[in-house]
Every structure is written in structure tokens, then in C-alpha cells.
Amino acid sequence: MRQTVVGFALGPLAALSLAAHPSSGAPQQAPASSAPGPASSGFQILPCNRGPSAAVLVVPAPFDAFMHVICTNEAEALAPVDGYHWVFPGGTSGLLPALNPNMAVTGLAAYFTKLSNAPLTAAQAAAFRAKLKPYMKNPALMTAEVERLEVDTSTGLHKQEYLLVMHDASGARTGALVVECINDCNPMDQPWGFDIEPNQQ
């Protein structure tokens, strides 16, 4: 069983559905709130009604099919919904907490102030897929549906979670992954992300 943990990113990582690609410049750092790391021994999930009234607790569609907000003693976090788990680089699983290593703000004081759907035009979605192409192991990503979630936090983070959903010819969903970006991944260099997989029955 994979352990669910909260932690900081330690550097650029490649998603399981993305291939490593030689970098021509300085690597793009994975947003520091995201990669799994050792959870403290006192990690606890708390009722969200204990948090600030300004905290955003609702994930909009279509992202709510894969993630929801949980509240913990370390931070609010985005977590997989029932029926799914997230596979981080290295085969671990984790959360996306509202933490910022540049600010000493933790617990329920670290919360989401914005979770909003920021739709892409067809041209913007195509451009994003094209930026990802050098890193893709799965050619189905070139036709994946692309959605963008804008995320702001009380700890000063502003980032985007790009959701890519793949379908077969019948329209049935065959896979999904998230690529996390700062500044919409401009430039795109060693993107960081994770696969969304259904739990085994």
C-alpha cells in the first residue's frame, strides 16, 4: 500500500507518463508544495470547519472528478477523491498542500484562497500539448483533453494544475494525469506531474 504524505518538492521530477528529456538550460523547479516527502508522525486530518472562513474548500468541475480539499494539521491540501490514487514520481503517492517553503505558515493557516477553472481555448490546449511533446512517453497525450485549474494560497503561491484526460475512440476515459506549473510552465523544462489511477477492485 502506498503511503499518503505531505511534503516539499526537492527538485525537478518527471511524471510517470512523461519521459525524461535533455535540458538545454537550468531545470524548471517543481513547485515546492507538491512532491511527496516524509510525513510528520503527528500528521492528522482535521474537520475543515476549524479553518478560516476565507478558505476555499470546493474544487470546481471537471477537476472535482479527481480531487477534493482536505484539511490537516500541516496544511489544507488537494487530495484524490474516493476511487482514485495519485502516482507521484518514484511510485509514491501524495497530496498537493497549500505550503510554501519561503513562508513559515503551516496548519490551517495554510489554505487555498482560489481554486478556479480557467478554460483554455482550443489553440491554447494545442500549444500546451505541443510544449509537453518532447517529454511524452504516451502518444495519447497529444490528443488529450486539457483543463487548467488556477490555484492561489494564503502562503503566497500562485500556480496552475493542468489536467490531461485521455479517451478512446468510443469516448471512454482511458487515463489522466496532472502537470503542475508556475507561470503556466513558461518556459517548459523538465515538467513535473503525476498520474491519476483508479483503485484496484
Protein backbone atom coordinates (compact mmCIF):
# COMPACT_ATOMS: atom_id res chain seq x y z
CA MET A 1 0.00 0.00 0.00
CA ARG A 2 1.33 3.43 -0.89
CA GLN A 3 1.65 5.95 1.92
CA THR A 4 -0.08 9.30 1.56
CA VAL A 5 2.18 12.08 2.69
CA VAL A 6 2.57 15.84 2.64
CA GLY A 7 5.92 17.38 1.81
CA PHE A 8 8.02 19.73 -0.27
CA ALA A 9 9.43 19.21 -3.73
CA LEU A 10 13.15 18.61 -3.71
CA GLY A 11 13.76 19.38 -7.36
CA PRO A 12 12.60 18.71 -10.93
CA LEU A 13 10.84 15.39 -11.40
CA ALA A 14 9.35 13.63 -14.42
CA ALA A 15 5.82 12.28 -14.30
CA LEU A 16 5.28 8.59 -14.95
CA SER A 17 3.51 9.36 -18.22
CA LEU A 18 6.26 11.76 -19.27
CA ALA A 19 9.74 10.84 -20.45
CA ALA A 20 12.92 12.49 -19.28
CA HIS A 21 14.29 14.95 -21.82
CA PRO A 22 17.72 16.54 -22.00
CA SER A 23 17.63 20.07 -20.63
CA SER A 24 19.24 22.89 -22.56
CA GLY A 25 19.27 25.21 -19.59
CA ALA A 26 18.59 25.41 -15.90
CA PRO A 27 15.97 22.83 -14.88
CA GLN A 28 12.48 24.02 -14.04
CA GLN A 29 11.92 23.54 -10.34
CA ALA A 30 8.87 21.56 -9.35
CA PRO A 31 6.51 23.85 -7.40
CA ALA A 32 7.69 23.46 -3.87
CA SER A 33 4.37 22.45 -2.37
CA SER A 34 3.90 19.28 -4.28
CA ALA A 35 6.32 16.40 -4.22
CA PRO A 36 5.78 13.76 -1.57
CA GLY A 37 8.07 13.77 1.43
CA PRO A 38 8.16 12.22 4.89
CA ALA A 39 5.01 12.99 6.81
CA SER A 40 5.40 14.01 10.41
CA SER A 41 4.47 11.35 12.94
CA GLY A 42 1.70 13.64 14.16
CA PHE A 43 0.03 14.11 10.75
CA GLN A 44 -3.76 14.33 11.20
CA ILE A 45 -6.78 15.06 9.02
CA LEU A 46 -8.97 17.70 10.64
CA PRO A 47 -12.54 18.95 10.09
CA CYS A 48 -12.41 21.82 7.61
CA ASN A 49 -14.87 23.87 9.68
CA ARG A 50 -11.98 24.61 12.05
CA GLY A 51 -10.21 26.64 9.37
CA PRO A 52 -10.52 30.32 8.38
CA SER A 53 -13.77 31.46 6.77
CA ALA A 54 -11.75 32.72 3.79
CA ALA A 55 -10.52 29.23 2.95
CA VAL A 56 -11.74 27.85 -0.38
CA LEU A 57 -12.93 24.29 0.13
CA VAL A 58 -14.71 23.46 -3.14
CA VAL A 59 -12.90 22.15 -6.21
CA PRO A 60 -14.73 23.13 -9.41
CA ALA A 61 -15.70 20.78 -12.22
CA PRO A 62 -14.19 18.99 -14.07
CA PHE A 63 -11.33 18.72 -11.54
CA ASP A 64 -13.70 17.57 -8.78
CA ALA A 65 -13.91 14.20 -10.54
CA PHE A 66 -10.32 13.57 -9.45
CA MET A 67 -9.52 15.79 -6.45
CA HIS A 68 -11.01 17.44 -3.39
CA VAL A 69 -9.83 19.59 -0.49
CA ILE A 70 -8.85 18.04 2.81
CA CYS A 71 -7.74 19.87 5.95
CA THR A 72 -4.81 18.67 8.02
CA ASN A 73 -2.71 19.88 10.91
CA GLU A 74 0.08 20.62 8.40
CA ALA A 75 -1.94 22.46 5.74
CA GLU A 76 -5.01 22.32 3.57
CA ALA A 77 -4.30 20.07 0.62
CA LEU A 78 -5.74 18.77 -2.61
CA ALA A 79 -6.16 15.01 -2.38
CA PRO A 80 -7.54 12.27 -4.64
CA VAL A 81 -11.26 11.54 -4.44
CA ASP A 82 -12.53 8.13 -3.43
CA GLY A 83 -11.84 5.54 -6.09
CA TYR A 84 -8.57 7.06 -7.30
CA HIS A 85 -4.98 7.43 -6.15
CA TRP A 86 -2.21 9.66 -7.44
CA VAL A 87 1.07 8.09 -8.54
CA PHE A 88 3.93 10.51 -7.98
CA PRO A 89 7.43 10.14 -9.45
CA GLY A 90 9.17 7.20 -7.86
CA GLY A 91 5.92 5.28 -7.41
CA THR A 92 4.89 7.06 -4.21
CA SER A 93 1.61 8.87 -3.68
CA GLY A 94 0.98 12.24 -2.11
CA LEU A 95 -1.06 15.37 -1.74
CA LEU A 96 -0.82 18.93 -3.08
CA PRO A 97 -0.63 21.03 0.11
CA ALA A 98 -1.01 24.80 0.34
CA LEU A 99 2.53 25.13 1.73
CA ASN A 100 5.31 27.47 0.71
CA PRO A 101 8.89 26.79 1.83
CA ASN A 102 9.55 30.52 1.75
CA MET A 103 6.93 31.23 4.40
CA ALA A 104 6.71 29.80 7.91
CA VAL A 105 2.95 29.30 7.67
CA THR A 106 1.55 25.85 8.39
CA GLY A 107 -1.54 24.16 9.76
CA LEU A 108 -4.96 25.58 9.00
CA ALA A 109 -3.31 28.97 8.36
CA ALA A 110 -2.02 27.46 5.11
CA TYR A 111 -5.12 27.29 2.94
CA PHE A 112 -6.42 27.81 -0.58
CA THR A 113 -7.70 31.27 -1.45
CA LYS A 114 -8.56 30.40 -5.05
CA LEU A 115 -9.46 27.20 -6.86
CA SER A 116 -11.00 28.15 -10.18
CA ASN A 117 -11.46 26.62 -13.60
CA ALA A 118 -9.56 28.66 -16.19
CA PRO A 119 -10.71 27.19 -19.52
CA LEU A 120 -8.28 27.02 -22.39
CA THR A 121 -9.11 27.80 -25.99
CA ALA A 122 -8.52 25.00 -28.49
CA ALA A 123 -5.37 26.83 -29.61
CA GLN A 124 -4.08 27.18 -26.03
CA ALA A 125 -4.69 23.49 -25.32
CA ALA A 126 -2.89 22.52 -28.53
CA ALA A 127 0.03 24.79 -27.61
CA PHE A 128 0.31 23.21 -24.17
CA ARG A 129 0.31 19.70 -25.62
CA ALA A 130 2.99 20.80 -28.10
CA LYS A 131 5.17 22.09 -25.24
CA LEU A 132 4.80 18.72 -23.50
CA LYS A 133 5.51 16.64 -26.62
CA PRO A 134 9.29 16.28 -26.07
CA TYR A 135 8.60 14.72 -22.66
CA MET A 136 5.73 12.41 -23.61
CA LYS A 137 6.00 8.66 -23.32
CA ASN A 138 2.32 8.16 -24.14
CA PRO A 139 1.32 9.37 -27.63
CA ALA A 140 -2.33 9.54 -26.49
CA LEU A 141 -1.41 12.71 -24.62
CA MET A 142 -1.20 14.52 -27.96
CA THR A 143 -4.99 14.29 -28.24
CA ALA A 144 -5.80 14.53 -24.52
CA GLU A 145 -8.41 16.94 -23.26
CA VAL A 146 -6.62 19.74 -21.36
CA GLU A 147 -8.13 21.67 -18.45
CA ARG A 148 -6.48 24.31 -16.25
CA LEU A 149 -7.08 24.91 -12.54
CA GLU A 150 -5.84 28.21 -11.12
CA VAL A 151 -4.59 27.81 -7.55
CA ASP A 152 -3.75 30.58 -5.06
CA THR A 153 -2.89 30.04 -1.41
CA SER A 154 -2.65 32.05 1.79
CA THR A 155 1.07 31.24 1.76
CA GLY A 156 1.69 33.26 -1.40
CA LEU A 157 1.71 30.51 -4.01
CA HIS A 158 0.15 31.08 -7.42
CA LYS A 159 0.25 28.07 -9.70
CA GLN A 160 -1.69 26.07 -12.25
CA GLU A 161 -2.69 22.42 -12.26
CA TYR A 162 -3.11 21.20 -15.83
CA LEU A 163 -5.38 18.15 -16.06
CA LEU A 164 -4.92 15.98 -19.15
CA VAL A 165 -7.63 13.36 -19.73
CA MET A 166 -7.31 10.72 -22.42
CA HIS A 167 -10.19 8.91 -24.16
CA ASP A 168 -10.52 6.03 -26.59
CA ALA A 169 -12.43 6.13 -29.87
CA SER A 170 -15.70 5.42 -28.07
CA GLY A 171 -15.18 8.36 -25.73
CA ALA A 172 -14.43 6.22 -22.69
CA ARG A 173 -11.82 7.68 -20.35
CA THR A 174 -8.55 5.74 -20.53
CA GLY A 175 -6.24 7.77 -18.33
CA ALA A 176 -5.49 11.09 -16.69
CA LEU A 177 -2.55 12.99 -15.32
CA VAL A 178 -1.77 16.38 -13.81
CA VAL A 179 1.13 18.65 -14.75
CA GLU A 180 1.85 21.34 -12.18
CA CYS A 181 3.09 24.72 -13.39
CA ILE A 182 4.33 28.05 -12.19
CA ASN A 183 3.71 30.81 -14.76
CA ASP A 184 1.84 28.29 -16.94
CA CYS A 185 5.09 26.34 -17.44
CA ASN A 186 6.70 29.15 -19.42
CA PRO A 187 9.33 28.01 -20.13
CA MET A 188 8.64 24.28 -20.17
CA ASP A 189 11.72 22.46 -18.90
CA GLN A 190 11.56 19.08 -17.16
CA PRO A 191 7.85 19.30 -16.27
CA TRP A 192 6.64 17.81 -13.01
CA GLY A 193 3.42 15.90 -12.58
CA PHE A 194 1.68 12.72 -11.54
CA ASP A 195 -0.64 10.05 -12.91
CA ILE A 196 -4.23 9.61 -11.70
CA GLU A 197 -5.13 5.93 -11.47
CA PRO A 198 -8.31 4.12 -10.41
CA ASN A 199 -8.05 1.99 -7.31
CA GLN A 200 -7.97 -1.71 -7.98
CA GLN A 201 -11.10 -3.56 -7.03
